[in-house]
PDB file of N, CA and C in Angstrom:
ATOM      1  N   ASP A   1       6.942 -17.365 -11.511  1.00  0.00           N
ATOM      2  CA  ASP A   1       5.932 -18.250 -12.052  1.00  0.00           C
ATOM      3  C   ASP A   1       6.088 -18.409 -13.567  1.00  0.00           C
ATOM      4  N   ILE A   2       6.406 -17.317 -14.257  1.00  0.00           N
ATOM      5  CA  ILE A   2       6.615 -17.402 -15.704  1.00  0.00           C
ATOM      6  C   ILE A   2       7.853 -18.244 -15.999  1.00  0.00           C
ATOM      7  N   GLY A   3       8.935 -17.995 -15.239  1.00  0.00           N
ATOM      8  CA  GLY A   3      10.159 -18.767 -15.421  1.00  0.00           C
ATOM      9  C   GLY A   3       9.938 -20.248 -15.191  1.00  0.00           C
ATOM     10  N   LYS A   4       9.129 -20.573 -14.201  1.00  0.00           N
ATOM     11  CA  LYS A   4       8.835 -21.982 -13.914  1.00  0.00           C
ATOM     12  C   LYS A   4       8.098 -22.620 -15.092  1.00  0.00           C
ATOM     13  N   GLN A   5       7.131 -21.901 -15.640  1.00  0.00           N
ATOM     14  CA  GLN A   5       6.363 -22.427 -16.781  1.00  0.00           C
ATOM     15  C   GLN A   5       7.247 -22.593 -18.017  1.00  0.00           C
ATOM     16  N   LEU A   6       8.214 -21.675 -18.178  1.00  0.00           N
ATOM     17  CA  LEU A   6       9.111 -21.755 -19.330  1.00  0.00           C
ATOM     18  C   LEU A   6      10.271 -22.720 -19.096  1.00  0.00           C
ATOM     19  N   GLY A   7      10.435 -23.145 -17.829  1.00  0.00           N
ATOM     20  CA  GLY A   7      11.503 -24.065 -17.485  1.00  0.00           C
ATOM     21  C   GLY A   7      12.872 -23.416 -17.454  1.00  0.00           C
ATOM     22  N   CYS A   8      12.926 -22.096 -17.191  1.00  0.00           N
ATOM     23  CA  CYS A   8      14.225 -21.418 -17.217  1.00  0.00           C
ATOM     24  C   CYS A   8      14.509 -20.570 -15.974  1.00  0.00           C
ATOM     25  N   GLY A   9      13.634 -20.551 -14.997  1.00  0.00           N
ATOM     26  CA  GLY A   9      13.847 -19.714 -13.821  1.00  0.00           C
ATOM     27  C   GLY A   9      13.586 -18.253 -14.122  1.00  0.00           C
ATOM     28  N   GLY A  10      13.674 -17.420 -13.107  1.00  0.00           N
ATOM     29  CA  GLY A  10      13.448 -15.992 -13.292  1.00  0.00           C
ATOM     30  C   GLY A  10      13.627 -15.251 -11.980  1.00  0.00           C
ATOM     31  N   HIS A  11      13.590 -13.918 -12.036  1.00  0.00           N
ATOM     32  CA  HIS A  11      13.698 -13.097 -10.834  1.00  0.00           C
ATOM     33  C   HIS A  11      13.014 -11.754 -11.064  1.00  0.00           C
ATOM     34  N   LEU A  12      12.786 -11.027  -9.989  1.00  0.00           N
ATOM     35  CA  LEU A  12      12.191  -9.697 -10.044  1.00  0.00           C
ATOM     36  C   LEU A  12      13.260  -8.643  -9.852  1.00  0.00           C
ATOM     37  N   ALA A  13      13.166  -7.572 -10.599  1.00  0.00           N
ATOM     38  CA  ALA A  13      14.051  -6.426 -10.380  1.00  0.00           C
ATOM     39  C   ALA A  13      13.420  -5.488  -9.354  1.00  0.00           C
ATOM     40  N   SER A  14      12.080  -5.474  -9.290  1.00  0.00           N
ATOM     41  CA  SER A  14      11.378  -4.672  -8.289  1.00  0.00           C
ATOM     42  C   SER A  14       9.960  -5.201  -8.140  1.00  0.00           C
ATOM     43  N   LEU A  15       9.340  -4.831  -7.031  1.00  0.00           N
ATOM     44  CA  LEU A  15       7.977  -5.249  -6.744  1.00  0.00           C
ATOM     45  C   LEU A  15       7.294  -4.117  -6.005  1.00  0.00           C
ATOM     46  N   ARG A  16       6.125  -3.731  -6.445  1.00  0.00           N
ATOM     47  CA  ARG A  16       5.386  -2.650  -5.792  1.00  0.00           C
ATOM     48  C   ARG A  16       3.999  -3.158  -5.437  1.00  0.00           C
ATOM     49  N   ARG A  17       3.693  -3.146  -4.150  1.00  0.00           N
ATOM     50  CA  ARG A  17       2.373  -3.576  -3.693  1.00  0.00           C
ATOM     51  C   ARG A  17       1.405  -2.406  -3.894  1.00  0.00           C
ATOM     52  N   THR A  18       0.332  -2.647  -4.624  1.00  0.00           N
ATOM     53  CA  THR A  18      -0.640  -1.592  -4.905  1.00  0.00           C
ATOM     54  C   THR A  18      -1.881  -1.696  -4.035  1.00  0.00           C
ATOM     55  N   ALA A  19      -2.043  -2.831  -3.355  1.00  0.00           N
ATOM     56  CA  ALA A  19      -3.185  -3.005  -2.468  1.00  0.00           C
ATOM     57  C   ALA A  19      -2.902  -4.129  -1.482  1.00  0.00           C
ATOM     58  N   SER A  20      -3.529  -4.021  -0.315  1.00  0.00           N
ATOM     59  CA  SER A  20      -3.469  -5.065   0.696  1.00  0.00           C
ATOM     60  C   SER A  20      -4.780  -5.004   1.464  1.00  0.00           C
ATOM     61  N   GLY A  21      -5.629  -6.011   1.278  1.00  0.00           N
ATOM     62  CA  GLY A  21      -6.953  -5.960   1.888  1.00  0.00           C
ATOM     63  C   GLY A  21      -7.728  -4.775   1.339  1.00  0.00           C
ATOM     64  N   ARG A  22      -8.305  -3.975   2.226  1.00  0.00           N
ATOM     65  CA  ARG A  22      -9.066  -2.805   1.767  1.00  0.00           C
ATOM     66  C   ARG A  22      -8.197  -1.564   1.589  1.00  0.00           C
ATOM     67  N   LEU A  23      -6.895  -1.680   1.838  1.00  0.00           N
ATOM     68  CA  LEU A  23      -5.973  -0.565   1.660  1.00  0.00           C
ATOM     69  C   LEU A  23      -5.448  -0.571   0.231  1.00  0.00           C
ATOM     70  N   SER A  24      -5.392   0.618  -0.401  1.00  0.00           N
ATOM     71  CA  SER A  24      -4.884   0.693  -1.770  1.00  0.00           C
ATOM     72  C   SER A  24      -4.172   2.019  -1.998  1.00  0.00           C
ATOM     73  N   LEU A  25      -3.392   2.078  -3.059  1.00  0.00           N
ATOM     74  CA  LEU A  25      -2.705   3.322  -3.402  1.00  0.00           C
ATOM     75  C   LEU A  25      -3.688   4.432  -3.747  1.00  0.00           C
ATOM     76  N   GLU A  26      -4.845   4.064  -4.298  1.00  0.00           N
ATOM     77  CA  GLU A  26      -5.863   5.061  -4.638  1.00  0.00           C
ATOM     78  C   GLU A  26      -6.316   5.842  -3.412  1.00  0.00           C
ATOM     79  N   ASN A  27      -6.320   5.193  -2.252  1.00  0.00           N
ATOM     80  CA  ASN A  27      -6.776   5.829  -1.018  1.00  0.00           C
ATOM     81  C   ASN A  27      -5.627   6.309  -0.142  1.00  0.00           C
ATOM     82  N   ALA A  28      -4.414   6.209  -0.653  1.00  0.00           N
ATOM     83  CA  ALA A  28      -3.233   6.580   0.133  1.00  0.00           C
ATOM     84  C   ALA A  28      -3.051   8.096   0.177  1.00  0.00           C
ATOM     85  N   ILE A  29      -2.303   8.547   1.177  1.00  0.00           N
ATOM     86  CA  ILE A  29      -1.960   9.954   1.327  1.00  0.00           C
ATOM     87  C   ILE A  29      -0.466  10.016   1.657  1.00  0.00           C
ATOM     88  N   THR A  30       0.232  10.981   1.124  1.00  0.00           N
ATOM     89  CA  THR A  30       1.671  11.081   1.378  1.00  0.00           C
ATOM     90  C   THR A  30       1.921  11.569   2.804  1.00  0.00           C
ATOM     91  N   PHE A  31       3.123  11.303   3.314  1.00  0.00           N
ATOM     92  CA  PHE A  31       3.476  11.793   4.642  1.00  0.00           C
ATOM     93  C   PHE A  31       3.479  13.315   4.675  1.00  0.00           C
ATOM     94  N   ASP A  32       3.933  13.945   3.601  1.00  0.00           N
ATOM     95  CA  ASP A  32       3.926  15.410   3.539  1.00  0.00           C
ATOM     96  C   ASP A  32       2.506  15.953   3.662  1.00  0.00           C
ATOM     97  N   ALA A  33       1.580  15.367   2.916  1.00  0.00           N
ATOM     98  CA  ALA A  33       0.185  15.811   2.985  1.00  0.00           C
ATOM     99  C   ALA A  33      -0.389  15.555   4.375  1.00  0.00           C
ATOM    100  N   LEU A  34      -0.037  14.425   4.959  1.00  0.00           N
ATOM    101  CA  LEU A  34      -0.513  14.079   6.295  1.00  0.00           C
ATOM    102  C   LEU A  34      -0.015  15.074   7.334  1.00  0.00           C
ATOM    103  N   GLU A  35       1.253  15.456   7.227  1.00  0.00           N
ATOM    104  CA  GLU A  35       1.829  16.424   8.171  1.00  0.00           C
ATOM    105  C   GLU A  35       1.155  17.787   8.084  1.00  0.00           C
ATOM    106  N   ASN A  36       0.667  18.147   6.897  1.00  0.00           N
ATOM    107  CA  ASN A  36       0.082  19.465   6.690  1.00  0.00           C
ATOM    108  C   ASN A  36      -1.427  19.519   6.898  1.00  0.00           C
ATOM    109  N   LEU A  37      -2.026  18.393   7.229  1.00  0.00           N
ATOM    110  CA  LEU A  37      -3.469  18.374   7.464  1.00  0.00           C
ATOM    111  C   LEU A  37      -3.816  19.066   8.773  1.00  0.00           C
ATOM    112  N   PRO A  38      -4.928  19.786   8.802  1.00  0.00           N
ATOM    113  CA  PRO A  38      -5.415  20.288  10.093  1.00  0.00           C
ATOM    114  C   PRO A  38      -5.746  19.094  10.993  1.00  0.00           C
ATOM    115  N   ARG A  39      -5.480  19.211  12.265  1.00  0.00           N
ATOM    116  CA  ARG A  39      -5.688  18.099  13.209  1.00  0.00           C
ATOM    117  C   ARG A  39      -7.115  17.549  13.131  1.00  0.00           C
ATOM    118  N   ALA A  40      -8.089  18.411  12.897  1.00  0.00           N
ATOM    119  CA  ALA A  40      -9.488  17.983  12.832  1.00  0.00           C
ATOM    120  C   ALA A  40      -9.745  17.029  11.662  1.00  0.00           C
ATOM    121  N   GLU A  41      -8.938  17.089  10.610  1.00  0.00           N
ATOM    122  CA  GLU A  41      -9.121  16.230   9.437  1.00  0.00           C
ATOM    123  C   GLU A  41      -8.280  14.952   9.493  1.00  0.00           C
ATOM    124  N   LEU A  42      -7.397  14.856  10.450  1.00  0.00           N
ATOM    125  CA  LEU A  42      -6.471  13.729  10.543  1.00  0.00           C
ATOM    126  C   LEU A  42      -7.192  12.380  10.627  1.00  0.00           C
ATOM    127  N   SER A  43      -8.235  12.301  11.435  1.00  0.00           N
ATOM    128  CA  SER A  43      -8.930  11.023  11.630  1.00  0.00           C
ATOM    129  C   SER A  43      -9.616  10.525  10.360  1.00  0.00           C
ATOM    130  N   GLN A  44      -9.844  11.394   9.379  1.00  0.00           N
ATOM    131  CA  GLN A  44     -10.456  10.985   8.112  1.00  0.00           C
ATOM    132  C   GLN A  44      -9.476  10.186   7.251  1.00  0.00           C
ATOM    133  N   HIS A  45      -8.179  10.296   7.542  1.00  0.00           N
ATOM    134  CA  HIS A  45      -7.159   9.690   6.697  1.00  0.00           C
ATOM    135  C   HIS A  45      -6.330   8.608   7.384  1.00  0.00           C
ATOM    136  N   VAL A  46      -6.549   8.382   8.669  1.00  0.00           N
ATOM    137  CA  VAL A  46      -5.758   7.407   9.422  1.00  0.00           C
ATOM    138  C   VAL A  46      -6.666   6.272   9.887  1.00  0.00           C
ATOM    139  N   ILE A  47      -6.228   5.044   9.651  1.00  0.00           N
ATOM    140  CA  ILE A  47      -6.975   3.868  10.089  1.00  0.00           C
ATOM    141  C   ILE A  47      -6.223   3.252  11.265  1.00  0.00           C
ATOM    142  N   PRO A  48      -6.877   3.088  12.413  1.00  0.00           N
ATOM    143  CA  PRO A  48      -6.210   2.445  13.550  1.00  0.00           C
ATOM    144  C   PRO A  48      -5.707   1.052  13.152  1.00  0.00           C
ATOM    145  N   ILE A  49      -4.528   0.685  13.580  1.00  0.00           N
ATOM    146  CA  ILE A  49      -3.891  -0.566  13.171  1.00  0.00           C
ATOM    147  C   ILE A  49      -4.751  -1.790  13.473  1.00  0.00           C
ATOM    148  N   LEU A  50      -5.490  -1.776  14.576  1.00  0.00           N
ATOM    149  CA  LEU A  50      -6.308  -2.941  14.930  1.00  0.00           C
ATOM    150  C   LEU A  50      -7.517  -3.117  14.013  1.00  0.00           C
ATOM    151  N   SER A  51      -7.915  -2.056  13.309  1.00  0.00           N
ATOM    152  CA  SER A  51      -9.049  -2.186  12.391  1.00  0.00           C
ATOM    153  C   SER A  51      -8.625  -2.100  10.928  1.00  0.00           C
ATOM    154  N   ALA A  52      -7.327  -2.098  10.662  1.00  0.00           N
ATOM    155  CA  ALA A  52      -6.823  -1.961   9.291  1.00  0.00           C
ATOM    156  C   ALA A  52      -7.082  -3.206   8.448  1.00  0.00           C
ATOM    157  N   ASP A  53      -7.264  -4.371   9.065  1.00  0.00           N
ATOM    158  CA  ASP A  53      -7.573  -5.608   8.349  1.00  0.00           C
ATOM    159  C   ASP A  53      -6.574  -5.896   7.231  1.00  0.00           C
ATOM    160  N   ILE A  54      -5.292  -5.945   7.613  1.00  0.00           N
ATOM    161  CA  ILE A  54      -4.259  -6.231   6.613  1.00  0.00           C
ATOM    162  C   ILE A  54      -3.716  -7.630   6.773  1.00  0.00           C
TER     163      ILE A  54
END
């Protein structure tokens, strides 16, 4: 978009999505942390795909 406005084109070297719908990096948990959670706490950190609203 900047390249278009400047009339010179452009490209990205990288892109990191920080949020999608109600999902965000602030609420994310690593796979390592997820693997080490007690089973009773797992449902507090996992959103079923049909209700993820992405």
